Amino acid sequence: VEEAARRGLPNIANTVDAIAVLKAEKNLALMEKHAVLSRIEMESRCEILYENYIKTINIEALTMIEMAKRQIVPAVIAFKGHLADTISSVDAIGCDVSVEKSLCDAVSQQFVSLRKNLTLLETSLSEAGALHGDTVAQAAAYRDLVFTAMGLLRQDADKLEELVDAKFWPFPTYSDMLFNV
């Protein structure tokens, strides 16, 4: 990125902005001049690229919501229940449960954040979907709202993966995938 900036090259960081560059007047003129594609064909290609982006992010967001609701949420609830039972049992015999309570509190706080960001993703998906008919605006909404909300939900899930016992976690952990091939 630094080398590109030093050379004066553009750094287009996302798909929506990259598609917009295809429709820049100088690019349209170049394609027409060399009879590669007409202006209408270029605009059609851009429309298709926007639609593909929208559909891809939509599918990924819906999958993420499904995974969170049907797998992560129940796993965290089960783990919190297990922790609560452990805390009650250990406390009943008079032992220190400060570590267990601290873990339960950390899981609870992260779980609240996950739930908030899950709702944010659902709301963002609804808002972006409501822009149907204007693919440029809808693609921008998927980039700015949905993709951003997906990142926040992913951060919460990653943190919960570190806190929740592997017996309860519904997916292979990163270490499972990297070291137990």
N, C-alpha and C. Protein backbone atom coordinates (compact mmCIF):
# COMPACT_ATOMS: atom_id res chain seq x y z
N VAL A 1 0.84 -1.19 0.00
CA VAL A 1 0.00 0.00 0.00
C VAL A 1 0.88 1.25 0.00
N GLU A 2 1.91 1.23 0.83
CA GLU A 2 2.80 2.39 0.88
C GLU A 2 3.53 2.61 -0.44
N GLU A 3 3.98 1.52 -1.05
CA GLU A 3 4.68 1.62 -2.33
C GLU A 3 3.74 2.13 -3.42
N ALA A 4 2.51 1.65 -3.41
CA ALA A 4 1.53 2.12 -4.39
C ALA A 4 1.28 3.61 -4.22
N ALA A 5 1.16 4.05 -2.97
CA ALA A 5 0.95 5.48 -2.71
C ALA A 5 2.16 6.29 -3.18
N ARG A 6 3.35 5.77 -2.93
CA ARG A 6 4.58 6.47 -3.36
C ARG A 6 4.61 6.62 -4.88
N ARG A 7 4.10 5.64 -5.59
CA ARG A 7 4.09 5.68 -7.05
C ARG A 7 2.88 6.42 -7.61
N GLY A 8 1.98 6.82 -6.74
CA GLY A 8 0.79 7.53 -7.18
C GLY A 8 -0.30 6.61 -7.73
N LEU A 9 -0.24 5.35 -7.38
CA LEU A 9 -1.24 4.39 -7.84
C LEU A 9 -2.44 4.40 -6.90
N PRO A 10 -3.61 4.14 -7.43
CA PRO A 10 -4.80 4.16 -6.56
C PRO A 10 -4.83 2.93 -5.64
N ASN A 11 -5.42 3.11 -4.49
CA ASN A 11 -5.64 2.00 -3.56
C ASN A 11 -7.14 1.92 -3.32
N ILE A 12 -7.77 1.06 -4.06
CA ILE A 12 -9.22 0.91 -3.95
C ILE A 12 -9.46 -0.25 -2.98
N ALA A 13 -9.99 0.08 -1.82
CA ALA A 13 -10.03 -0.86 -0.70
C ALA A 13 -11.25 -1.76 -0.66
N ASN A 14 -12.24 -1.53 -1.50
CA ASN A 14 -13.43 -2.38 -1.43
C ASN A 14 -14.04 -2.55 -2.82
N THR A 15 -14.86 -3.57 -2.93
CA THR A 15 -15.46 -3.95 -4.20
C THR A 15 -16.36 -2.86 -4.78
N VAL A 16 -17.15 -2.24 -3.93
CA VAL A 16 -18.09 -1.23 -4.42
C VAL A 16 -17.34 -0.07 -5.07
N ASP A 17 -16.28 0.39 -4.45
CA ASP A 17 -15.49 1.48 -5.03
C ASP A 17 -14.76 1.03 -6.29
N ALA A 18 -14.33 -0.22 -6.32
CA ALA A 18 -13.63 -0.74 -7.50
C ALA A 18 -14.57 -0.81 -8.70
N ILE A 19 -15.81 -1.20 -8.46
CA ILE A 19 -16.79 -1.25 -9.55
C ILE A 19 -17.04 0.15 -10.09
N ALA A 20 -17.13 1.11 -9.19
CA ALA A 20 -17.38 2.50 -9.61
C ALA A 20 -16.28 3.01 -10.53
N VAL A 21 -15.06 2.56 -10.32
CA VAL A 21 -13.94 3.00 -11.16
C VAL A 21 -14.14 2.53 -12.60
N LEU A 22 -14.74 1.38 -12.78
CA LEU A 22 -15.00 0.89 -14.13
C LEU A 22 -15.88 1.86 -14.93
N LYS A 23 -16.74 2.59 -14.21
CA LYS A 23 -17.66 3.51 -14.87
C LYS A 23 -17.09 4.93 -15.01
N ALA A 24 -15.85 5.10 -14.60
CA ALA A 24 -15.22 6.42 -14.76
C ALA A 24 -15.16 6.76 -16.26
N GLU A 25 -15.36 8.01 -16.57
CA GLU A 25 -15.43 8.44 -17.96
C GLU A 25 -14.21 8.03 -18.76
N LYS A 26 -13.02 8.17 -18.19
CA LYS A 26 -11.81 7.82 -18.94
C LYS A 26 -11.77 6.32 -19.27
N ASN A 27 -12.29 5.49 -18.40
CA ASN A 27 -12.32 4.05 -18.65
C ASN A 27 -13.37 3.69 -19.69
N LEU A 28 -14.52 4.33 -19.61
CA LEU A 28 -15.56 4.10 -20.62
C LEU A 28 -15.06 4.52 -22.00
N ALA A 29 -14.41 5.67 -22.05
CA ALA A 29 -13.90 6.18 -23.32
C ALA A 29 -12.83 5.25 -23.90
N LEU A 30 -11.97 4.73 -23.05
CA LEU A 30 -10.92 3.81 -23.50
C LEU A 30 -11.53 2.55 -24.10
N MET A 31 -12.51 1.98 -23.44
CA MET A 31 -13.15 0.76 -23.93
C MET A 31 -13.86 1.01 -25.26
N GLU A 32 -14.51 2.16 -25.38
CA GLU A 32 -15.20 2.50 -26.63
C GLU A 32 -14.20 2.77 -27.75
N LYS A 33 -13.14 3.48 -27.43
CA LYS A 33 -12.14 3.85 -28.43
C LYS A 33 -11.54 2.62 -29.11
N HIS A 34 -11.28 1.58 -28.31
CA HIS A 34 -10.65 0.37 -28.86
C HIS A 34 -11.69 -0.70 -29.20
N ALA A 35 -12.96 -0.33 -29.17
CA ALA A 35 -14.07 -1.22 -29.54
C ALA A 35 -14.06 -2.52 -28.74
N VAL A 36 -13.70 -2.43 -27.47
CA VAL A 36 -13.73 -3.60 -26.60
C VAL A 36 -15.15 -3.81 -26.11
N LEU A 37 -15.71 -2.79 -25.47
CA LEU A 37 -17.08 -2.82 -25.00
C LEU A 37 -17.69 -1.44 -25.19
N SER A 38 -18.96 -1.40 -25.48
CA SER A 38 -19.64 -0.11 -25.59
C SER A 38 -19.92 0.43 -24.19
N ARG A 39 -20.32 1.65 -24.12
CA ARG A 39 -20.68 2.30 -22.86
C ARG A 39 -21.82 1.53 -22.17
N ILE A 40 -22.79 1.12 -22.95
CA ILE A 40 -23.93 0.38 -22.40
C ILE A 40 -23.47 -0.98 -21.87
N GLU A 41 -22.59 -1.64 -22.60
CA GLU A 41 -22.07 -2.94 -22.14
C GLU A 41 -21.27 -2.79 -20.84
N MET A 42 -20.49 -1.73 -20.76
CA MET A 42 -19.72 -1.48 -19.53
C MET A 42 -20.65 -1.22 -18.35
N GLU A 43 -21.68 -0.42 -18.58
CA GLU A 43 -22.63 -0.13 -17.51
C GLU A 43 -23.39 -1.38 -17.10
N SER A 44 -23.70 -2.23 -18.06
CA SER A 44 -24.37 -3.50 -17.75
C SER A 44 -23.47 -4.39 -16.91
N ARG A 45 -22.21 -4.45 -17.26
CA ARG A 45 -21.26 -5.25 -16.48
C ARG A 45 -21.15 -4.74 -15.05
N CYS A 46 -21.14 -3.44 -14.90
CA CYS A 46 -21.09 -2.85 -13.57
C CYS A 46 -22.33 -3.21 -12.77
N GLU A 47 -23.47 -3.13 -13.41
CA GLU A 47 -24.73 -3.49 -12.75
C GLU A 47 -24.69 -4.94 -12.27
N ILE A 48 -24.19 -5.81 -13.10
CA ILE A 48 -24.09 -7.23 -12.75
C ILE A 48 -23.11 -7.41 -11.58
N LEU A 49 -22.00 -6.71 -11.62
CA LEU A 49 -21.02 -6.81 -10.52
C LEU A 49 -21.61 -6.31 -9.21
N TYR A 50 -22.35 -5.22 -9.25
CA TYR A 50 -23.02 -4.72 -8.03
C TYR A 50 -24.00 -5.77 -7.50
N GLU A 51 -24.79 -6.34 -8.40
CA GLU A 51 -25.78 -7.34 -7.99
C GLU A 51 -25.10 -8.56 -7.39
N ASN A 52 -23.99 -9.00 -7.97
CA ASN A 52 -23.25 -10.14 -7.42
C ASN A 52 -22.72 -9.83 -6.03
N TYR A 53 -22.21 -8.63 -5.86
CA TYR A 53 -21.70 -8.21 -4.55
C TYR A 53 -22.82 -8.23 -3.52
N ILE A 54 -23.95 -7.64 -3.88
CA ILE A 54 -25.10 -7.58 -2.97
C ILE A 54 -25.54 -8.99 -2.58
N LYS A 55 -25.68 -9.86 -3.56
CA LYS A 55 -26.13 -11.23 -3.29
C LYS A 55 -25.13 -11.98 -2.42
N THR A 56 -23.85 -11.82 -2.69
CA THR A 56 -22.82 -12.51 -1.91
C THR A 56 -22.82 -12.07 -0.46
N ILE A 57 -22.82 -10.77 -0.24
CA ILE A 57 -22.82 -10.26 1.14
C ILE A 57 -24.11 -10.64 1.85
N ASN A 58 -25.23 -10.61 1.13
CA ASN A 58 -26.51 -11.00 1.71
C ASN A 58 -26.47 -12.46 2.18
N ILE A 59 -25.98 -13.34 1.34
CA ILE A 59 -25.88 -14.76 1.70
C ILE A 59 -24.95 -14.94 2.90
N GLU A 60 -23.81 -14.27 2.89
CA GLU A 60 -22.87 -14.38 4.00
C GLU A 60 -23.47 -13.86 5.30
N ALA A 61 -24.19 -12.76 5.23
CA ALA A 61 -24.82 -12.19 6.43
C ALA A 61 -25.91 -13.10 6.97
N LEU A 62 -26.73 -13.64 6.08
CA LEU A 62 -27.78 -14.56 6.52
C LEU A 62 -27.18 -15.82 7.14
N THR A 63 -26.10 -16.31 6.57
CA THR A 63 -25.42 -17.48 7.12
C THR A 63 -24.85 -17.16 8.49
N MET A 64 -24.26 -15.99 8.63
CA MET A 64 -23.69 -15.57 9.91
C MET A 64 -24.79 -15.47 10.98
N ILE A 65 -25.91 -14.90 10.63
CA ILE A 65 -27.03 -14.79 11.57
C ILE A 65 -27.49 -16.18 11.99
N GLU A 66 -27.64 -17.06 11.03
CA GLU A 66 -28.07 -18.43 11.31
C GLU A 66 -27.08 -19.13 12.24
N MET A 67 -25.81 -19.01 11.96
CA MET A 67 -24.79 -19.65 12.80
C MET A 67 -24.81 -19.09 14.22
N ALA A 68 -24.95 -17.79 14.32
CA ALA A 68 -24.96 -17.16 15.65
C ALA A 68 -26.18 -17.60 16.45
N LYS A 69 -27.34 -17.55 15.81
CA LYS A 69 -28.59 -17.87 16.53
C LYS A 69 -28.72 -19.35 16.87
N ARG A 70 -28.33 -20.20 15.94
CA ARG A 70 -28.60 -21.64 16.12
C ARG A 70 -27.44 -22.40 16.72
N GLN A 71 -26.24 -21.80 16.74
CA GLN A 71 -25.11 -22.54 17.25
C GLN A 71 -24.35 -21.80 18.36
N ILE A 72 -23.98 -20.55 18.11
CA ILE A 72 -23.18 -19.84 19.11
C ILE A 72 -24.01 -19.49 20.33
N VAL A 73 -25.19 -18.91 20.15
CA VAL A 73 -26.03 -18.52 21.29
C VAL A 73 -26.33 -19.72 22.19
N PRO A 74 -26.82 -20.84 21.65
CA PRO A 74 -27.07 -21.99 22.54
C PRO A 74 -25.80 -22.51 23.23
N ALA A 75 -24.67 -22.48 22.54
CA ALA A 75 -23.42 -22.96 23.13
C ALA A 75 -23.01 -22.08 24.31
N VAL A 76 -23.14 -20.78 24.15
CA VAL A 76 -22.77 -19.86 25.23
C VAL A 76 -23.73 -20.01 26.41
N ILE A 77 -25.00 -20.16 26.13
CA ILE A 77 -25.98 -20.36 27.21
C ILE A 77 -25.67 -21.64 27.98
N ALA A 78 -25.36 -22.71 27.25
CA ALA A 78 -25.03 -23.98 27.90
C ALA A 78 -23.77 -23.85 28.75
N PHE A 79 -22.77 -23.15 28.22
CA PHE A 79 -21.53 -22.97 28.97
C PHE A 79 -21.76 -22.12 30.22
N LYS A 80 -22.56 -21.06 30.08
CA LYS A 80 -22.87 -20.24 31.26
C LYS A 80 -23.62 -21.06 32.31
N GLY A 81 -24.52 -21.93 31.88
CA GLY A 81 -25.23 -22.81 32.81
C GLY A 81 -24.26 -23.74 33.53
N HIS A 82 -23.33 -24.28 32.77
CA HIS A 82 -22.30 -25.15 33.35
C HIS A 82 -21.46 -24.38 34.37
N LEU A 83 -21.07 -23.17 34.01
CA LEU A 83 -20.30 -22.33 34.92
C LEU A 83 -21.09 -22.03 36.19
N ALA A 84 -22.36 -21.69 36.03
CA ALA A 84 -23.20 -21.37 37.19
C ALA A 84 -23.31 -22.58 38.12
N ASP A 85 -23.49 -23.76 37.55
CA ASP A 85 -23.55 -24.98 38.36
C ASP A 85 -22.24 -25.22 39.09
N THR A 86 -21.14 -25.01 38.39
CA THR A 86 -19.82 -25.19 39.00
C THR A 86 -19.62 -24.20 40.13
N ILE A 87 -19.97 -22.95 39.89
CA ILE A 87 -19.81 -21.91 40.92
C ILE A 87 -20.64 -22.27 42.15
N SER A 88 -21.87 -22.70 41.95
CA SER A 88 -22.74 -23.08 43.08
C SER A 88 -22.15 -24.25 43.85
N SER A 89 -21.68 -25.27 43.13
CA SER A 89 -21.13 -26.46 43.77
C SER A 89 -19.86 -26.15 44.56
N VAL A 90 -18.97 -25.41 43.95
CA VAL A 90 -17.70 -25.10 44.60
C VAL A 90 -17.92 -24.15 45.77
N ASP A 91 -18.80 -23.18 45.59
CA ASP A 91 -19.09 -22.23 46.68
C ASP A 91 -19.74 -22.94 47.87
N ALA A 92 -20.55 -23.96 47.59
CA ALA A 92 -21.25 -24.70 48.65
C ALA A 92 -20.28 -25.40 49.59
N ILE A 93 -19.12 -25.76 49.10
CA ILE A 93 -18.14 -26.42 49.98
C ILE A 93 -17.14 -25.42 50.55
N GLY A 94 -17.37 -24.14 50.30
CA GLY A 94 -16.59 -23.09 50.92
C GLY A 94 -15.29 -22.72 50.22
N CYS A 95 -15.15 -23.08 48.98
CA CYS A 95 -13.92 -22.73 48.25
C CYS A 95 -14.09 -21.39 47.53
N ASP A 96 -12.96 -20.80 47.19
CA ASP A 96 -12.94 -19.52 46.47
C ASP A 96 -13.44 -19.72 45.04
N VAL A 97 -14.41 -18.94 44.64
CA VAL A 97 -14.97 -19.03 43.28
C VAL A 97 -14.76 -17.74 42.50
N SER A 98 -13.81 -16.95 42.93
CA SER A 98 -13.60 -15.65 42.27
C SER A 98 -13.17 -15.80 40.81
N VAL A 99 -12.37 -16.81 40.51
CA VAL A 99 -11.92 -17.01 39.13
C VAL A 99 -13.10 -17.45 38.25
N GLU A 100 -13.89 -18.36 38.76
CA GLU A 100 -15.04 -18.84 38.01
C GLU A 100 -16.04 -17.71 37.77
N LYS A 101 -16.26 -16.89 38.79
CA LYS A 101 -17.19 -15.76 38.65
C LYS A 101 -16.65 -14.74 37.66
N SER A 102 -15.35 -14.54 37.68
CA SER A 102 -14.72 -13.61 36.74
C SER A 102 -14.90 -14.10 35.30
N LEU A 103 -14.70 -15.40 35.09
CA LEU A 103 -14.90 -15.98 33.76
C LEU A 103 -16.36 -15.86 33.33
N CYS A 104 -17.26 -16.15 34.25
CA CYS A 104 -18.70 -16.06 33.94
C CYS A 104 -19.07 -14.62 33.59
N ASP A 105 -18.51 -13.67 34.30
CA ASP A 105 -18.78 -12.26 34.02
C ASP A 105 -18.24 -11.87 32.64
N ALA A 106 -17.03 -12.33 32.32
CA ALA A 106 -16.43 -12.01 31.01
C ALA A 106 -17.27 -12.61 29.88
N VAL A 107 -17.72 -13.84 30.06
CA VAL A 107 -18.56 -14.49 29.05
C VAL A 107 -19.87 -13.73 28.91
N SER A 108 -20.45 -13.35 30.04
CA SER A 108 -21.74 -12.63 30.01
C SER A 108 -21.61 -11.30 29.28
N GLN A 109 -20.55 -10.55 29.58
CA GLN A 109 -20.36 -9.25 28.92
C GLN A 109 -20.18 -9.43 27.42
N GLN A 110 -19.39 -10.42 27.02
CA GLN A 110 -19.16 -10.64 25.60
C GLN A 110 -20.43 -11.15 24.92
N PHE A 111 -21.21 -11.92 25.64
CA PHE A 111 -22.47 -12.45 25.12
C PHE A 111 -23.47 -11.31 24.88
N VAL A 112 -23.51 -10.35 25.79
CA VAL A 112 -24.38 -9.18 25.61
C VAL A 112 -23.96 -8.41 24.35
N SER A 113 -22.66 -8.26 24.16
CA SER A 113 -22.16 -7.57 22.97
C SER A 113 -22.52 -8.35 21.70
N LEU A 114 -22.38 -9.67 21.75
CA LEU A 114 -22.73 -10.49 20.59
C LEU A 114 -24.21 -10.32 20.26
N ARG A 115 -25.06 -10.35 21.26
CA ARG A 115 -26.50 -10.21 21.02
C ARG A 115 -26.83 -8.83 20.43
N LYS A 116 -26.17 -7.80 20.94
CA LYS A 116 -26.38 -6.44 20.43
C LYS A 116 -25.94 -6.36 18.96
N ASN A 117 -24.79 -6.93 18.65
CA ASN A 117 -24.29 -6.87 17.29
C ASN A 117 -25.04 -7.81 16.35
N LEU A 118 -25.62 -8.86 16.88
CA LEU A 118 -26.49 -9.71 16.06
C LEU A 118 -27.74 -8.93 15.65
N THR A 119 -28.30 -8.19 16.58
CA THR A 119 -29.46 -7.34 16.27
C THR A 119 -29.07 -6.25 15.27
N LEU A 120 -27.89 -5.67 15.45
CA LEU A 120 -27.40 -4.66 14.52
C LEU A 120 -27.27 -5.24 13.11
N LEU A 121 -26.75 -6.44 13.00
CA LEU A 121 -26.61 -7.07 11.68
C LEU A 121 -27.98 -7.31 11.05
N GLU A 122 -28.93 -7.79 11.83
CA GLU A 122 -30.27 -8.02 11.29
C GLU A 122 -30.91 -6.71 10.82
N THR A 123 -30.74 -5.66 11.60
CA THR A 123 -31.29 -4.34 11.23
C THR A 123 -30.60 -3.80 9.98
N SER A 124 -29.28 -3.92 9.93
CA SER A 124 -28.52 -3.44 8.78
C SER A 124 -28.91 -4.19 7.52
N LEU A 125 -29.11 -5.48 7.64
CA LEU A 125 -29.53 -6.29 6.50
C LEU A 125 -30.90 -5.86 5.99
N SER A 126 -31.78 -5.57 6.91
CA SER A 126 -33.12 -5.10 6.54
C SER A 126 -33.05 -3.74 5.84
N GLU A 127 -32.23 -2.83 6.38
CA GLU A 127 -32.09 -1.50 5.79
C GLU A 127 -31.49 -1.58 4.39
N ALA A 128 -30.47 -2.39 4.23
CA ALA A 128 -29.83 -2.52 2.91
C ALA A 128 -30.78 -3.18 1.92
N GLY A 129 -31.51 -4.17 2.38
CA GLY A 129 -32.47 -4.85 1.51
C GLY A 129 -33.59 -3.95 1.04
N ALA A 130 -33.93 -2.96 1.85
CA ALA A 130 -35.01 -2.04 1.51
C ALA A 130 -34.63 -1.10 0.36
N LEU A 131 -33.37 -1.03 0.02
CA LEU A 131 -32.91 -0.15 -1.05
C LEU A 131 -32.98 -0.82 -2.42
N HIS A 132 -33.68 -1.93 -2.52
CA HIS A 132 -33.81 -2.66 -3.77
C HIS A 132 -34.28 -1.72 -4.89
N GLY A 133 -33.61 -1.81 -6.02
CA GLY A 133 -33.96 -0.96 -7.16
C GLY A 133 -32.85 0.02 -7.50
N ASP A 134 -32.06 0.39 -6.53
CA ASP A 134 -30.91 1.27 -6.75
C ASP A 134 -29.67 0.48 -6.35
N THR A 135 -29.10 -0.26 -7.31
CA THR A 135 -28.01 -1.18 -6.97
C THR A 135 -26.78 -0.49 -6.42
N VAL A 136 -26.47 0.71 -6.87
CA VAL A 136 -25.30 1.41 -6.35
C VAL A 136 -25.52 1.76 -4.88
N ALA A 137 -26.66 2.33 -4.56
CA ALA A 137 -26.96 2.68 -3.17
C ALA A 137 -27.08 1.42 -2.31
N GLN A 138 -27.67 0.38 -2.87
CA GLN A 138 -27.82 -0.86 -2.10
C GLN A 138 -26.45 -1.50 -1.85
N ALA A 139 -25.60 -1.53 -2.86
CA ALA A 139 -24.26 -2.09 -2.68
C ALA A 139 -23.48 -1.29 -1.63
N ALA A 140 -23.61 0.03 -1.67
CA ALA A 140 -22.94 0.88 -0.68
C ALA A 140 -23.47 0.59 0.72
N ALA A 141 -24.78 0.36 0.85
CA ALA A 141 -25.37 0.03 2.15
C ALA A 141 -24.86 -1.32 2.64
N TYR A 142 -24.74 -2.29 1.74
CA TYR A 142 -24.20 -3.59 2.14
C TYR A 142 -22.74 -3.43 2.60
N ARG A 143 -21.99 -2.59 1.92
CA ARG A 143 -20.60 -2.35 2.32
C ARG A 143 -20.53 -1.62 3.66
N ASP A 144 -21.28 -0.53 3.78
CA ASP A 144 -21.15 0.35 4.94
C ASP A 144 -21.88 -0.17 6.17
N LEU A 145 -23.05 -0.77 5.98
CA LEU A 145 -23.85 -1.22 7.12
C LEU A 145 -23.65 -2.70 7.41
N VAL A 146 -23.95 -3.53 6.42
CA VAL A 146 -23.98 -4.97 6.65
C VAL A 146 -22.57 -5.52 6.88
N PHE A 147 -21.65 -5.21 6.00
CA PHE A 147 -20.30 -5.75 6.13
C PHE A 147 -19.65 -5.28 7.43
N THR A 148 -19.90 -4.03 7.81
CA THR A 148 -19.37 -3.50 9.07
C THR A 148 -19.97 -4.24 10.26
N ALA A 149 -21.28 -4.46 10.24
CA ALA A 149 -21.95 -5.19 11.32
C ALA A 149 -21.45 -6.63 11.39
N MET A 150 -21.17 -7.22 10.25
CA MET A 150 -20.64 -8.58 10.23
C MET A 150 -19.28 -8.63 10.93
N GLY A 151 -18.47 -7.62 10.71
CA GLY A 151 -17.16 -7.56 11.36
C GLY A 151 -17.27 -7.48 12.87
N LEU A 152 -18.22 -6.69 13.35
CA LEU A 152 -18.43 -6.55 14.80
C LEU A 152 -18.91 -7.87 15.41
N LEU A 153 -19.84 -8.53 14.73
CA LEU A 153 -20.34 -9.82 15.22
C LEU A 153 -19.22 -10.86 15.22
N ARG A 154 -18.41 -10.82 14.20
CA ARG A 154 -17.27 -11.76 14.11
C ARG A 154 -16.30 -11.55 15.27
N GLN A 155 -16.04 -10.30 15.62
CA GLN A 155 -15.14 -10.02 16.75
C GLN A 155 -15.69 -10.61 18.04
N ASP A 156 -16.98 -10.44 18.26
CA ASP A 156 -17.61 -11.01 19.46
C ASP A 156 -17.49 -12.53 19.48
N ALA A 157 -17.79 -13.16 18.36
CA ALA A 157 -17.72 -14.62 18.28
C ALA A 157 -16.29 -15.11 18.51
N ASP A 158 -15.32 -14.40 17.95
CA ASP A 158 -13.91 -14.78 18.15
C ASP A 158 -13.51 -14.69 19.62
N LYS A 159 -13.96 -13.64 20.30
CA LYS A 159 -13.64 -13.49 21.72
C LYS A 159 -14.34 -14.56 22.55
N LEU A 160 -15.59 -14.86 22.21
CA LEU A 160 -16.30 -15.92 22.93
C LEU A 160 -15.64 -17.28 22.70
N GLU A 161 -15.12 -17.50 21.51
CA GLU A 161 -14.43 -18.76 21.23
C GLU A 161 -13.25 -18.95 22.18
N GLU A 162 -12.59 -17.86 22.55
CA GLU A 162 -11.46 -17.94 23.48
C GLU A 162 -11.91 -18.21 24.91
N LEU A 163 -13.14 -17.80 25.25
CA LEU A 163 -13.63 -17.92 26.62
C LEU A 163 -14.41 -19.21 26.88
N VAL A 164 -15.15 -19.67 25.90
CA VAL A 164 -16.03 -20.83 26.07
C VAL A 164 -15.22 -22.12 25.93
N ASP A 165 -15.48 -23.05 26.85
CA ASP A 165 -14.81 -24.35 26.83
C ASP A 165 -15.03 -25.02 25.48
N ALA A 166 -13.97 -25.64 24.95
CA ALA A 166 -14.03 -26.28 23.63
C ALA A 166 -15.12 -27.35 23.56
N LYS A 167 -15.46 -27.98 24.70
CA LYS A 167 -16.52 -29.00 24.71
C LYS A 167 -17.87 -28.40 24.32
N PHE A 168 -18.04 -27.11 24.58
CA PHE A 168 -19.31 -26.44 24.30
C PHE A 168 -19.31 -25.73 22.95
N TRP A 169 -18.12 -25.38 22.46
CA TRP A 169 -18.03 -24.59 21.23
C TRP A 169 -18.44 -25.44 20.03
N PRO A 170 -19.39 -24.95 19.20
CA PRO A 170 -19.97 -25.78 18.14
C PRO A 170 -19.13 -25.92 16.87
N PHE A 171 -18.03 -25.21 16.79
CA PHE A 171 -17.21 -25.23 15.58
C PHE A 171 -15.78 -25.64 15.94
N PRO A 172 -15.03 -26.11 14.96
CA PRO A 172 -13.61 -26.35 15.24
C PRO A 172 -12.94 -25.02 15.57
N THR A 173 -12.07 -25.03 16.55
CA THR A 173 -11.35 -23.80 16.90
C THR A 173 -10.25 -23.57 15.88
N TYR A 174 -9.69 -22.36 15.91
CA TYR A 174 -8.59 -22.07 15.00
C TYR A 174 -7.43 -23.03 15.23
N SER A 175 -7.12 -23.32 16.49
CA SER A 175 -6.01 -24.24 16.76
C SER A 175 -6.32 -25.64 16.25
N ASP A 176 -7.59 -26.07 16.34
CA ASP A 176 -7.97 -27.38 15.78
C ASP A 176 -7.69 -27.42 14.29
N MET A 177 -8.05 -26.36 13.60
CA MET A 177 -7.88 -26.33 12.15
C MET A 177 -6.42 -26.21 11.75
N LEU A 178 -5.64 -25.49 12.54
CA LEU A 178 -4.24 -25.27 12.17
C LEU A 178 -3.33 -26.42 12.56
N PHE A 179 -3.59 -27.04 13.71
CA PHE A 179 -2.62 -27.99 14.23
C PHE A 179 -3.11 -29.43 14.26
N ASN A 180 -4.36 -29.68 14.01
CA ASN A 180 -4.88 -31.05 14.02
C ASN A 180 -5.40 -31.45 12.66
N VAL A 181 -4.58 -31.25 11.66
CA VAL A 181 -5.00 -31.51 10.29
C VAL A 181 -5.02 -33.00 10.01
